Amino acid sequence: MKTIQTDLLQGTLDLLVLKTLQSGPRHGWDISQRINQVSEDVLRIGQGSLYPALHRLEDKGWIDAEWGASENNRRAKFYRLTASGRKRLAEQTVIWQRFAAAVALILKTV
C-alpha cells in the first residue's frame, strides 16, 4: 500500500498522539515512528505537524513533558498522558469510532 504523507485534521492527529502515549512516555521521533509502524507505513507524521500538535496538547493539559535521554543517549523531551488526556482520549475514541462507522456506511452505498 502506498504511504500517505499526512496533513491530518488537527483532531485526528491529536487522537493518534494521545493513543500512542497511552502505552507510556515517548519522545517526538518515537511517537511519529510508532504511528508509522502501527499504521503499517500508511501514516507518516512530519515534524511540521507533530511538534505543533504536541505543544497544543501540552497547552491543553492533555499531556505533559520532561527532558530525558533517548535510546541513543541524546537529550529528548518525553511526553506522557495526563489524567485529563486519558479522559480526552476515551471521549475522542468514541466519537472517532462513530464517525468511521458512518463513513463506512456511506462507502457501502451504490
PDB file of N, CA and C in Angstrom:
ATOM      1  N   MET A   1       0.849  -1.187   0.000  1.00  0.00           N
ATOM      2  CA  MET A   1       0.000   0.000   0.000  1.00  0.00           C
ATOM      3  C   MET A   1       0.886   1.239   0.000  1.00  0.00           C
ATOM      4  N   LYS A   2       0.450   2.256  -0.666  1.00  0.00           N
ATOM      5  CA  LYS A   2       1.202   3.488  -0.798  1.00  0.00           C
ATOM      6  C   LYS A   2       1.226   4.271   0.523  1.00  0.00           C
ATOM      7  N   THR A   3       2.375   4.858   0.833  1.00  0.00           N
ATOM      8  CA  THR A   3       2.497   5.701   2.017  1.00  0.00           C
ATOM      9  C   THR A   3       1.824   7.040   1.747  1.00  0.00           C
ATOM     10  N   ILE A   4       1.138   7.531   2.743  1.00  0.00           N
ATOM     11  CA  ILE A   4       0.446   8.816   2.632  1.00  0.00           C
ATOM     12  C   ILE A   4       1.147   9.816   3.536  1.00  0.00           C
ATOM     13  N   GLN A   5       1.630  10.920   2.954  1.00  0.00           N
ATOM     14  CA  GLN A   5       2.166  12.000   3.777  1.00  0.00           C
ATOM     15  C   GLN A   5       0.969  12.719   4.354  1.00  0.00           C
ATOM     16  N   THR A   6       0.849  12.717   5.657  1.00  0.00           N
ATOM     17  CA  THR A   6      -0.398  13.176   6.251  1.00  0.00           C
ATOM     18  C   THR A   6      -0.404  14.664   6.531  1.00  0.00           C
ATOM     19  N   ASP A   7      -1.453  15.280   6.117  1.00  0.00           N
ATOM     20  CA  ASP A   7      -1.853  16.596   6.568  1.00  0.00           C
ATOM     21  C   ASP A   7      -3.187  16.336   7.253  1.00  0.00           C
ATOM     22  N   LEU A   8      -3.097  15.687   8.395  1.00  0.00           N
ATOM     23  CA  LEU A   8      -4.296  15.231   9.087  1.00  0.00           C
ATOM     24  C   LEU A   8      -5.062  16.388   9.693  1.00  0.00           C
ATOM     25  N   LEU A   9      -6.343  16.192   9.785  1.00  0.00           N
ATOM     26  CA  LEU A   9      -7.141  17.141  10.533  1.00  0.00           C
ATOM     27  C   LEU A   9      -6.597  17.196  11.947  1.00  0.00           C
ATOM     28  N   GLN A  10      -6.581  18.359  12.510  1.00  0.00           N
ATOM     29  CA  GLN A  10      -5.990  18.567  13.830  1.00  0.00           C
ATOM     30  C   GLN A  10      -6.496  17.579  14.864  1.00  0.00           C
ATOM     31  N   GLY A  11      -7.788  17.356  14.931  1.00  0.00           N
ATOM     32  CA  GLY A  11      -8.351  16.443  15.919  1.00  0.00           C
ATOM     33  C   GLY A  11      -7.902  15.007  15.717  1.00  0.00           C
ATOM     34  N   THR A  12      -7.718  14.611  14.452  1.00  0.00           N
ATOM     35  CA  THR A  12      -7.275  13.250  14.159  1.00  0.00           C
ATOM     36  C   THR A  12      -5.843  13.048  14.633  1.00  0.00           C
ATOM     37  N   LEU A  13      -4.981  13.987  14.344  1.00  0.00           N
ATOM     38  CA  LEU A  13      -3.595  13.890  14.790  1.00  0.00           C
ATOM     39  C   LEU A  13      -3.529  13.882  16.313  1.00  0.00           C
ATOM     40  N   ASP A  14      -4.321  14.724  16.950  1.00  0.00           N
ATOM     41  CA  ASP A  14      -4.350  14.746  18.414  1.00  0.00           C
ATOM     42  C   ASP A  14      -4.732  13.372  18.960  1.00  0.00           C
ATOM     43  N   LEU A  15      -5.746  12.762  18.365  1.00  0.00           N
ATOM     44  CA  LEU A  15      -6.190  11.437  18.796  1.00  0.00           C
ATOM     45  C   LEU A  15      -5.079  10.407  18.617  1.00  0.00           C
ATOM     46  N   LEU A  16      -4.392  10.431  17.482  1.00  0.00           N
ATOM     47  CA  LEU A  16      -3.307   9.474  17.238  1.00  0.00           C
ATOM     48  C   LEU A  16      -2.174   9.646  18.255  1.00  0.00           C
ATOM     49  N   VAL A  17      -1.841  10.878  18.564  1.00  0.00           N
ATOM     50  CA  VAL A  17      -0.774  11.140  19.542  1.00  0.00           C
ATOM     51  C   VAL A  17      -1.205  10.664  20.926  1.00  0.00           C
ATOM     52  N   LEU A  18      -2.414  11.013  21.336  1.00  0.00           N
ATOM     53  CA  LEU A  18      -2.895  10.580  22.655  1.00  0.00           C
ATOM     54  C   LEU A  18      -2.902   9.057  22.753  1.00  0.00           C
ATOM     55  N   LYS A  19      -3.376   8.393  21.707  1.00  0.00           N
ATOM     56  CA  LYS A  19      -3.425   6.932  21.708  1.00  0.00           C
ATOM     57  C   LYS A  19      -2.017   6.342  21.789  1.00  0.00           C
ATOM     58  N   THR A  20      -1.088   6.927  21.069  1.00  0.00           N
ATOM     59  CA  THR A  20       0.294   6.440  21.087  1.00  0.00           C
ATOM     60  C   THR A  20       0.916   6.590  22.472  1.00  0.00           C
ATOM     61  N   LEU A  21       0.561   7.663  23.168  1.00  0.00           N
ATOM     62  CA  LEU A  21       1.113   7.895  24.505  1.00  0.00           C
ATOM     63  C   LEU A  21       0.416   7.072  25.584  1.00  0.00           C
ATOM     64  N   GLN A  22      -0.678   6.420  25.225  1.00  0.00           N
ATOM     65  CA  GLN A  22      -1.408   5.609  26.206  1.00  0.00           C
ATOM     66  C   GLN A  22      -0.522   4.498  26.768  1.00  0.00           C
ATOM     67  N   SER A  23       0.391   3.999  25.973  1.00  0.00           N
ATOM     68  CA  SER A  23       1.251   2.893  26.419  1.00  0.00           C
ATOM     69  C   SER A  23       2.439   3.357  27.256  1.00  0.00           C
ATOM     70  N   GLY A  24       2.648   4.662  27.369  1.00  0.00           N
ATOM     71  CA  GLY A  24       3.735   5.166  28.190  1.00  0.00           C
ATOM     72  C   GLY A  24       4.434   6.336  27.526  1.00  0.00           C
ATOM     73  N   PRO A  25       5.349   6.975  28.257  1.00  0.00           N
ATOM     74  CA  PRO A  25       6.050   8.157  27.741  1.00  0.00           C
ATOM     75  C   PRO A  25       6.877   7.840  26.484  1.00  0.00           C
ATOM     76  N   ARG A  26       6.905   8.796  25.579  1.00  0.00           N
ATOM     77  CA  ARG A  26       7.685   8.681  24.341  1.00  0.00           C
ATOM     78  C   ARG A  26       8.178  10.068  23.944  1.00  0.00           C
ATOM     79  N   HIS A  27       9.297  10.106  23.238  1.00  0.00           N
ATOM     80  CA  HIS A  27       9.769  11.372  22.680  1.00  0.00           C
ATOM     81  C   HIS A  27       9.174  11.535  21.279  1.00  0.00           C
ATOM     82  N   GLY A  28       9.274  12.735  20.724  1.00  0.00           N
ATOM     83  CA  GLY A  28       8.618  13.065  19.466  1.00  0.00           C
ATOM     84  C   GLY A  28       8.925  12.113  18.322  1.00  0.00           C
ATOM     85  N   TRP A  29      10.201  11.841  18.078  1.00  0.00           N
ATOM     86  CA  TRP A  29      10.575  10.946  16.983  1.00  0.00           C
ATOM     87  C   TRP A  29       9.943   9.575  17.174  1.00  0.00           C
ATOM     88  N   ASP A  30       9.944   9.092  18.404  1.00  0.00           N
ATOM     89  CA  ASP A  30       9.370   7.777  18.711  1.00  0.00           C
ATOM     90  C   ASP A  30       7.856   7.767  18.466  1.00  0.00           C
ATOM     91  N   ILE A  31       7.188   8.866  18.781  1.00  0.00           N
ATOM     92  CA  ILE A  31       5.749   8.969  18.534  1.00  0.00           C
ATOM     93  C   ILE A  31       5.468   8.833  17.037  1.00  0.00           C
ATOM     94  N   SER A  32       6.205   9.594  16.221  1.00  0.00           N
ATOM     95  CA  SER A  32       5.963   9.534  14.777  1.00  0.00           C
ATOM     96  C   SER A  32       6.302   8.160  14.211  1.00  0.00           C
ATOM     97  N   GLN A  33       7.373   7.540  14.686  1.00  0.00           N
ATOM     98  CA  GLN A  33       7.752   6.206  14.223  1.00  0.00           C
ATOM     99  C   GLN A  33       6.705   5.165  14.615  1.00  0.00           C
ATOM    100  N   ARG A  34       6.160   5.289  15.818  1.00  0.00           N
ATOM    101  CA  ARG A  34       5.156   4.329  16.286  1.00  0.00           C
ATOM    102  C   ARG A  34       3.872   4.430  15.452  1.00  0.00           C
ATOM    103  N   ILE A  35       3.454   5.650  15.157  1.00  0.00           N
ATOM    104  CA  ILE A  35       2.264   5.835  14.320  1.00  0.00           C
ATOM    105  C   ILE A  35       2.508   5.227  12.946  1.00  0.00           C
ATOM    106  N   ASN A  36       3.681   5.458  12.392  1.00  0.00           N
ATOM    107  CA  ASN A  36       4.039   4.877  11.099  1.00  0.00           C
ATOM    108  C   ASN A  36       4.015   3.351  11.166  1.00  0.00           C
ATOM    109  N   GLN A  37       4.607   2.793  12.199  1.00  0.00           N
ATOM    110  CA  GLN A  37       4.689   1.341  12.355  1.00  0.00           C
ATOM    111  C   GLN A  37       3.309   0.709  12.519  1.00  0.00           C
ATOM    112  N   VAL A  38       2.508   1.242  13.425  1.00  0.00           N
ATOM    113  CA  VAL A  38       1.198   0.659  13.706  1.00  0.00           C
ATOM    114  C   VAL A  38       0.273   0.798  12.491  1.00  0.00           C
ATOM    115  N   SER A  39       0.424   1.875  11.729  1.00  0.00           N
ATOM    116  CA  SER A  39      -0.412   2.070  10.534  1.00  0.00           C
ATOM    117  C   SER A  39       0.134   1.308   9.328  1.00  0.00           C
ATOM    118  N   GLU A  40       1.132   0.476   9.569  1.00  0.00           N
ATOM    119  CA  GLU A  40       1.763  -0.320   8.515  1.00  0.00           C
ATOM    120  C   GLU A  40       2.261   0.568   7.377  1.00  0.00           C
ATOM    121  N   ASP A  41       2.968   1.621   7.742  1.00  0.00           N
ATOM    122  CA  ASP A  41       3.601   2.564   6.816  1.00  0.00           C
ATOM    123  C   ASP A  41       2.622   3.393   5.985  1.00  0.00           C
ATOM    124  N   VAL A  42       1.379   3.477   6.411  1.00  0.00           N
ATOM    125  CA  VAL A  42       0.410   4.279   5.668  1.00  0.00           C
ATOM    126  C   VAL A  42       0.444   5.730   6.155  1.00  0.00           C
ATOM    127  N   LEU A  43       0.547   5.939   7.455  1.00  0.00           N
ATOM    128  CA  LEU A  43       0.555   7.289   8.017  1.00  0.00           C
ATOM    129  C   LEU A  43       1.970   7.706   8.391  1.00  0.00           C
ATOM    130  N   ARG A  44       2.391   8.813   7.848  1.00  0.00           N
ATOM    131  CA  ARG A  44       3.680   9.407   8.204  1.00  0.00           C
ATOM    132  C   ARG A  44       3.410  10.812   8.730  1.00  0.00           C
ATOM    133  N   ILE A  45       3.820  11.049   9.939  1.00  0.00           N
ATOM    134  CA  ILE A  45       3.590  12.345  10.570  1.00  0.00           C
ATOM    135  C   ILE A  45       4.884  13.142  10.517  1.00  0.00           C
ATOM    136  N   GLY A  46       4.866  14.237   9.793  1.00  0.00           N
ATOM    137  CA  GLY A  46       6.048  15.095   9.688  1.00  0.00           C
ATOM    138  C   GLY A  46       6.239  15.940  10.924  1.00  0.00           C
ATOM    139  N   GLN A  47       7.471  16.388  11.123  1.00  0.00           N
ATOM    140  CA  GLN A  47       7.792  17.224  12.280  1.00  0.00           C
ATOM    141  C   GLN A  47       6.983  18.518  12.279  1.00  0.00           C
ATOM    142  N   GLY A  48       6.706  19.033  11.083  1.00  0.00           N
ATOM    143  CA  GLY A  48       5.939  20.273  10.971  1.00  0.00           C
ATOM    144  C   GLY A  48       4.510  20.145  11.458  1.00  0.00           C
ATOM    145  N   SER A  49       4.002  18.922  11.530  1.00  0.00           N
ATOM    146  CA  SER A  49       2.668  18.678  12.079  1.00  0.00           C
ATOM    147  C   SER A  49       2.740  18.175  13.514  1.00  0.00           C
ATOM    148  N   LEU A  50       3.718  17.303  13.780  1.00  0.00           N
ATOM    149  CA  LEU A  50       3.793  16.656  15.089  1.00  0.00           C
ATOM    150  C   LEU A  50       4.096  17.623  16.219  1.00  0.00           C
ATOM    151  N   TYR A  51       5.141  18.426  16.076  1.00  0.00           N
ATOM    152  CA  TYR A  51       5.550  19.264  17.206  1.00  0.00           C
ATOM    153  C   TYR A  51       4.534  20.354  17.546  1.00  0.00           C
ATOM    154  N   PRO A  52       3.881  20.990  16.573  1.00  0.00           N
ATOM    155  CA  PRO A  52       2.791  21.902  16.953  1.00  0.00           C
ATOM    156  C   PRO A  52       1.659  21.161  17.680  1.00  0.00           C
ATOM    157  N   ALA A  53       1.367  19.927  17.262  1.00  0.00           N
ATOM    158  CA  ALA A  53       0.332  19.140  17.947  1.00  0.00           C
ATOM    159  C   ALA A  53       0.747  18.846  19.381  1.00  0.00           C
ATOM    160  N   LEU A  54       1.995  18.458  19.577  1.00  0.00           N
ATOM    161  CA  LEU A  54       2.476  18.176  20.939  1.00  0.00           C
ATOM    162  C   LEU A  54       2.378  19.419  21.814  1.00  0.00           C
ATOM    163  N   HIS A  55       2.753  20.567  21.281  1.00  0.00           N
ATOM    164  CA  HIS A  55       2.662  21.816  22.060  1.00  0.00           C
ATOM    165  C   HIS A  55       1.212  22.160  22.364  1.00  0.00           C
ATOM    166  N   ARG A  56       0.332  21.954  21.391  1.00  0.00           N
ATOM    167  CA  ARG A  56      -1.093  22.225  21.592  1.00  0.00           C
ATOM    168  C   ARG A  56      -1.669  21.317  22.678  1.00  0.00           C
ATOM    169  N   LEU A  57      -1.325  20.024  22.620  1.00  0.00           N
ATOM    170  CA  LEU A  57      -1.819  19.074  23.617  1.00  0.00           C
ATOM    171  C   LEU A  57      -1.280  19.398  25.006  1.00  0.00           C
ATOM    172  N   GLU A  58      -0.037  19.837  25.043  1.00  0.00           N
ATOM    173  CA  GLU A  58       0.566  20.229  26.326  1.00  0.00           C
ATOM    174  C   GLU A  58      -0.133  21.473  26.878  1.00  0.00           C
ATOM    175  N   ASP A  59      -0.405  22.450  26.009  1.00  0.00           N
ATOM    176  CA  ASP A  59      -1.104  23.673  26.436  1.00  0.00           C
ATOM    177  C   ASP A  59      -2.503  23.370  26.978  1.00  0.00           C
ATOM    178  N   LYS A  60      -3.156  22.349  26.418  1.00  0.00           N
ATOM    179  CA  LYS A  60      -4.499  21.974  26.864  1.00  0.00           C
ATOM    180  C   LYS A  60      -4.469  21.106  28.123  1.00  0.00           C
ATOM    181  N   GLY A  61      -3.282  20.700  28.548  1.00  0.00           N
ATOM    182  CA  GLY A  61      -3.159  19.896  29.762  1.00  0.00           C
ATOM    183  C   GLY A  61      -3.408  18.410  29.543  1.00  0.00           C
ATOM    184  N   TRP A  62      -3.460  17.971  28.285  1.00  0.00           N
ATOM    185  CA  TRP A  62      -3.728  16.561  27.998  1.00  0.00           C
ATOM    186  C   TRP A  62      -2.461  15.715  28.012  1.00  0.00           C
ATOM    187  N   ILE A  63      -1.313  16.376  27.861  1.00  0.00           N
ATOM    188  CA  ILE A  63      -0.022  15.700  28.005  1.00  0.00           C
ATOM    189  C   ILE A  63       0.895  16.618  28.800  1.00  0.00           C
ATOM    190  N   ASP A  64       1.925  16.040  29.380  1.00  0.00           N
ATOM    191  CA  ASP A  64       2.991  16.856  29.931  1.00  0.00           C
ATOM    192  C   ASP A  64       4.317  16.272  29.455  1.00  0.00           C
ATOM    193  N   ALA A  65       5.384  16.991  29.742  1.00  0.00           N
ATOM    194  CA  ALA A  65       6.674  16.587  29.187  1.00  0.00           C
ATOM    195  C   ALA A  65       7.792  16.839  30.179  1.00  0.00           C
ATOM    196  N   GLU A  66       8.840  16.041  30.015  1.00  0.00           N
ATOM    197  CA  GLU A  66      10.063  16.280  30.776  1.00  0.00           C
ATOM    198  C   GLU A  66      11.246  15.828  29.936  1.00  0.00           C
ATOM    199  N   TRP A  67      12.389  16.444  30.193  1.00  0.00           N
ATOM    200  CA  TRP A  67      13.595  16.116  29.452  1.00  0.00           C
ATOM    201  C   TRP A  67      14.224  14.845  29.993  1.00  0.00           C
ATOM    202  N   GLY A  68      14.791  14.074  29.090  1.00  0.00           N
ATOM    203  CA  GLY A  68      15.477  12.842  29.455  1.00  0.00           C
ATOM    204  C   GLY A  68      16.415  12.430  28.340  1.00  0.00           C
ATOM    205  N   ALA A  69      16.973  11.247  28.457  1.00  0.00           N
ATOM    206  CA  ALA A  69      17.897  10.731  27.442  1.00  0.00           C
ATOM    207  C   ALA A  69      17.172   9.697  26.585  1.00  0.00           C
ATOM    208  N   SER A  70      17.315   9.831  25.280  1.00  0.00           N
ATOM    209  CA  SER A  70      16.708   8.872  24.350  1.00  0.00           C
ATOM    210  C   SER A  70      17.526   7.584  24.342  1.00  0.00           C
ATOM    211  N   GLU A  71      17.056   6.602  23.556  1.00  0.00           N
ATOM    212  CA  GLU A  71      17.739   5.310  23.486  1.00  0.00           C
ATOM    213  C   GLU A  71      19.167   5.421  22.948  1.00  0.00           C
ATOM    214  N   ASN A  72      19.458   6.486  22.188  1.00  0.00           N
ATOM    215  CA  ASN A  72      20.825   6.679  21.709  1.00  0.00           C
ATOM    216  C   ASN A  72      21.566   7.751  22.516  1.00  0.00           C
ATOM    217  N   ASN A  73      21.085   7.971  23.740  1.00  0.00           N
ATOM    218  CA  ASN A  73      21.717   8.871  24.714  1.00  0.00           C
ATOM    219  C   ASN A  73      21.695  10.343  24.320  1.00  0.00           C
ATOM    220  N   ARG A  74      20.757  10.720  23.495  1.00  0.00           N
ATOM    221  CA  ARG A  74      20.592  12.130  23.152  1.00  0.00           C
ATOM    222  C   ARG A  74      19.522  12.735  24.043  1.00  0.00           C
ATOM    223  N   ARG A  75      19.673  14.014  24.309  1.00  0.00           N
ATOM    224  CA  ARG A  75      18.686  14.732  25.106  1.00  0.00           C
ATOM    225  C   ARG A  75      17.390  14.831  24.304  1.00  0.00           C
ATOM    226  N   ALA A  76      16.284  14.435  24.925  1.00  0.00           N
ATOM    227  CA  ALA A  76      14.994  14.443  24.239  1.00  0.00           C
ATOM    228  C   ALA A  76      13.892  14.791  25.232  1.00  0.00           C
ATOM    229  N   LYS A  77      12.846  15.369  24.718  1.00  0.00           N
ATOM    230  CA  LYS A  77      11.686  15.696  25.524  1.00  0.00           C
ATOM    231  C   LYS A  77      10.722  14.518  25.438  1.00  0.00           C
ATOM    232  N   PHE A  78      10.380  13.952  26.583  1.00  0.00           N
ATOM    233  CA  PHE A  78       9.463  12.814  26.654  1.00  0.00           C
ATOM    234  C   PHE A  78       8.084  13.306  27.067  1.00  0.00           C
ATOM    235  N   TYR A  79       7.091  12.871  26.309  1.00  0.00           N
ATOM    236  CA  TYR A  79       5.703  13.273  26.537  1.00  0.00           C
ATOM    237  C   TYR A  79       4.934  12.116  27.145  1.00  0.00           C
ATOM    238  N   ARG A  80       3.969  12.444  28.011  1.00  0.00           N
ATOM    239  CA  ARG A  80       3.114  11.410  28.604  1.00  0.00           C
ATOM    240  C   ARG A  80       1.716  11.967  28.804  1.00  0.00           C
ATOM    241  N   LEU A  81       0.766  11.045  28.841  1.00  0.00           N
ATOM    242  CA  LEU A  81      -0.634  11.424  29.060  1.00  0.00           C
ATOM    243  C   LEU A  81      -0.854  11.886  30.495  1.00  0.00           C
ATOM    244  N   THR A  82      -1.708  12.863  30.644  1.00  0.00           N
ATOM    245  CA  THR A  82      -2.167  13.261  31.976  1.00  0.00           C
ATOM    246  C   THR A  82      -3.532  12.594  32.207  1.00  0.00           C
ATOM    247  N   ALA A  83      -4.070  12.747  33.392  1.00  0.00           N
ATOM    248  CA  ALA A  83      -5.399  12.197  33.675  1.00  0.00           C
ATOM    249  C   ALA A  83      -6.443  12.801  32.739  1.00  0.00           C
ATOM    250  N   SER A  84      -6.364  14.102  32.501  1.00  0.00           N
ATOM    251  CA  SER A  84      -7.335  14.719  31.588  1.00  0.00           C
ATOM    252  C   SER A  84      -7.086  14.270  30.147  1.00  0.00           C
ATOM    253  N   GLY A  85      -5.850  13.934  29.820  1.00  0.00           N
ATOM    254  CA  GLY A  85      -5.543  13.387  28.497  1.00  0.00           C
ATOM    255  C   GLY A  85      -6.144  12.010  28.300  1.00  0.00           C
ATOM    256  N   ARG A  86      -6.130  11.203  29.339  1.00  0.00           N
ATOM    257  CA  ARG A  86      -6.770   9.877  29.264  1.00  0.00           C
ATOM    258  C   ARG A  86      -8.277  10.019  29.058  1.00  0.00           C
ATOM    259  N   LYS A  87      -8.858  10.979  29.766  1.00  0.00           N
ATOM    260  CA  LYS A  87     -10.301  11.227  29.619  1.00  0.00           C
ATOM    261  C   LYS A  87     -10.605  11.701  28.201  1.00  0.00           C
ATOM    262  N   ARG A  88      -9.799  12.616  27.691  1.00  0.00           N
ATOM    263  CA  ARG A  88      -9.988  13.139  26.330  1.00  0.00           C
ATOM    264  C   ARG A  88      -9.843  12.012  25.301  1.00  0.00           C
ATOM    265  N   LEU A  89      -8.859  11.141  25.493  1.00  0.00           N
ATOM    266  CA  LEU A  89      -8.652  10.009  24.592  1.00  0.00           C
ATOM    267  C   LEU A  89      -9.896   9.122  24.556  1.00  0.00           C
ATOM    268  N   ALA A  90     -10.447   8.812  25.716  1.00  0.00           N
ATOM    269  CA  ALA A  90     -11.648   7.965  25.772  1.00  0.00           C
ATOM    270  C   ALA A  90     -12.817   8.631  25.043  1.00  0.00           C
ATOM    271  N   GLU A  91     -13.020   9.919  25.278  1.00  0.00           N
ATOM    272  CA  GLU A  91     -14.119  10.641  24.625  1.00  0.00           C
ATOM    273  C   GLU A  91     -13.939  10.677  23.107  1.00  0.00           C
ATOM    274  N   GLN A  92     -12.744  11.012  22.668  1.00  0.00           N
ATOM    275  CA  GLN A  92     -12.486  11.148  21.243  1.00  0.00           C
ATOM    276  C   GLN A  92     -12.479   9.801  20.523  1.00  0.00           C
ATOM    277  N   THR A  93     -12.124   8.743  21.219  1.00  0.00           N
ATOM    278  CA  THR A  93     -12.168   7.406  20.617  1.00  0.00           C
ATOM    279  C   THR A  93     -13.600   7.043  20.254  1.00  0.00           C
ATOM    280  N   VAL A  94     -14.533   7.306  21.150  1.00  0.00           N
ATOM    281  CA  VAL A  94     -15.951   7.025  20.889  1.00  0.00           C
ATOM    282  C   VAL A  94     -16.440   7.850  19.698  1.00  0.00           C
ATOM    283  N   ILE A  95     -16.102   9.117  19.676  1.00  0.00           N
ATOM    284  CA  ILE A  95     -16.527   9.997  18.580  1.00  0.00           C
ATOM    285  C   ILE A  95     -15.945   9.514  17.256  1.00  0.00           C
ATOM    286  N   TRP A  96     -14.638   9.188  17.250  1.00  0.00           N
ATOM    287  CA  TRP A  96     -13.987   8.733  16.029  1.00  0.00           C
ATOM    288  C   TRP A  96     -14.599   7.424  15.530  1.00  0.00           C
ATOM    289  N   GLN A  97     -14.893   6.503  16.420  1.00  0.00           N
ATOM    290  CA  GLN A  97     -15.483   5.223  16.020  1.00  0.00           C
ATOM    291  C   GLN A  97     -16.854   5.439  15.392  1.00  0.00           C
ATOM    292  N   ARG A  98     -17.645   6.336  15.942  1.00  0.00           N
ATOM    293  CA  ARG A  98     -18.959   6.642  15.361  1.00  0.00           C
ATOM    294  C   ARG A  98     -18.797   7.269  13.983  1.00  0.00           C
ATOM    295  N   PHE A  99     -17.849   8.193  13.858  1.00  0.00           N
ATOM    296  CA  PHE A  99     -17.590   8.855  12.582  1.00  0.00           C
ATOM    297  C   PHE A  99     -17.137   7.842  11.530  1.00  0.00           C
ATOM    298  N   ALA A 100     -16.175   6.987  11.891  1.00  0.00           N
ATOM    299  CA  ALA A 100     -15.657   5.986  10.954  1.00  0.00           C
ATOM    300  C   ALA A 100     -16.759   5.019  10.525  1.00  0.00           C
ATOM    301  N   ALA A 101     -17.620   4.632  11.438  1.00  0.00           N
ATOM    302  CA  ALA A 101     -18.721   3.733  11.103  1.00  0.00           C
ATOM    303  C   ALA A 101     -19.685   4.415  10.134  1.00  0.00           C
ATOM    304  N   ALA A 102     -19.946   5.697  10.331  1.00  0.00           N
ATOM    305  CA  ALA A 102     -20.843   6.439   9.444  1.00  0.00           C
ATOM    306  C   ALA A 102     -20.241   6.548   8.038  1.00  0.00           C
ATOM    307  N   VAL A 103     -18.953   6.836   7.958  1.00  0.00           N
ATOM    308  CA  VAL A 103     -18.280   6.910   6.654  1.00  0.00           C
ATOM    309  C   VAL A 103     -18.324   5.545   5.968  1.00  0.00           C
ATOM    310  N   ALA A 104     -18.074   4.473   6.721  1.00  0.00           N
ATOM    311  CA  ALA A 104     -18.120   3.121   6.161  1.00  0.00           C
ATOM    312  C   ALA A 104     -19.497   2.816   5.595  1.00  0.00           C
ATOM    313  N   LEU A 105     -20.557   3.248   6.282  1.00  0.00           N
ATOM    314  CA  LEU A 105     -21.917   3.032   5.774  1.00  0.00           C
ATOM    315  C   LEU A 105     -22.119   3.745   4.441  1.00  0.00           C
ATOM    316  N   ILE A 106     -21.650   4.973   4.359  1.00  0.00           N
ATOM    317  CA  ILE A 106     -21.790   5.737   3.123  1.00  0.00           C
ATOM    318  C   ILE A 106     -21.001   5.074   1.984  1.00  0.00           C
ATOM    319  N   LEU A 107     -19.806   4.601   2.270  1.00  0.00           N
ATOM    320  CA  LEU A 107     -18.970   3.979   1.238  1.00  0.00           C
ATOM    321  C   LEU A 107     -19.568   2.676   0.728  1.00  0.00           C
ATOM    322  N   LYS A 108     -20.425   2.042   1.509  1.00  0.00           N
ATOM    323  CA  LYS A 108     -21.063   0.787   1.096  1.00  0.00           C
ATOM    324  C   LYS A 108     -22.225   1.020   0.140  1.00  0.00           C
ATOM    325  N   THR A 109     -22.711   2.254   0.060  1.00  0.00           N
ATOM    326  CA  THR A 109     -23.876   2.512  -0.792  1.00  0.00           C
ATOM    327  C   THR A 109     -23.481   2.497  -2.255  1.00  0.00           C
ATOM    328  N   VAL A 110     -24.461   2.219  -3.078  1.00  0.00           N
ATOM    329  CA  VAL A 110     -24.233   2.149  -4.528  1.00  0.00           C
ATOM    330  C   VAL A 110     -24.581   3.464  -5.174  1.00  0.00           C
TER     331      VAL A 110
END
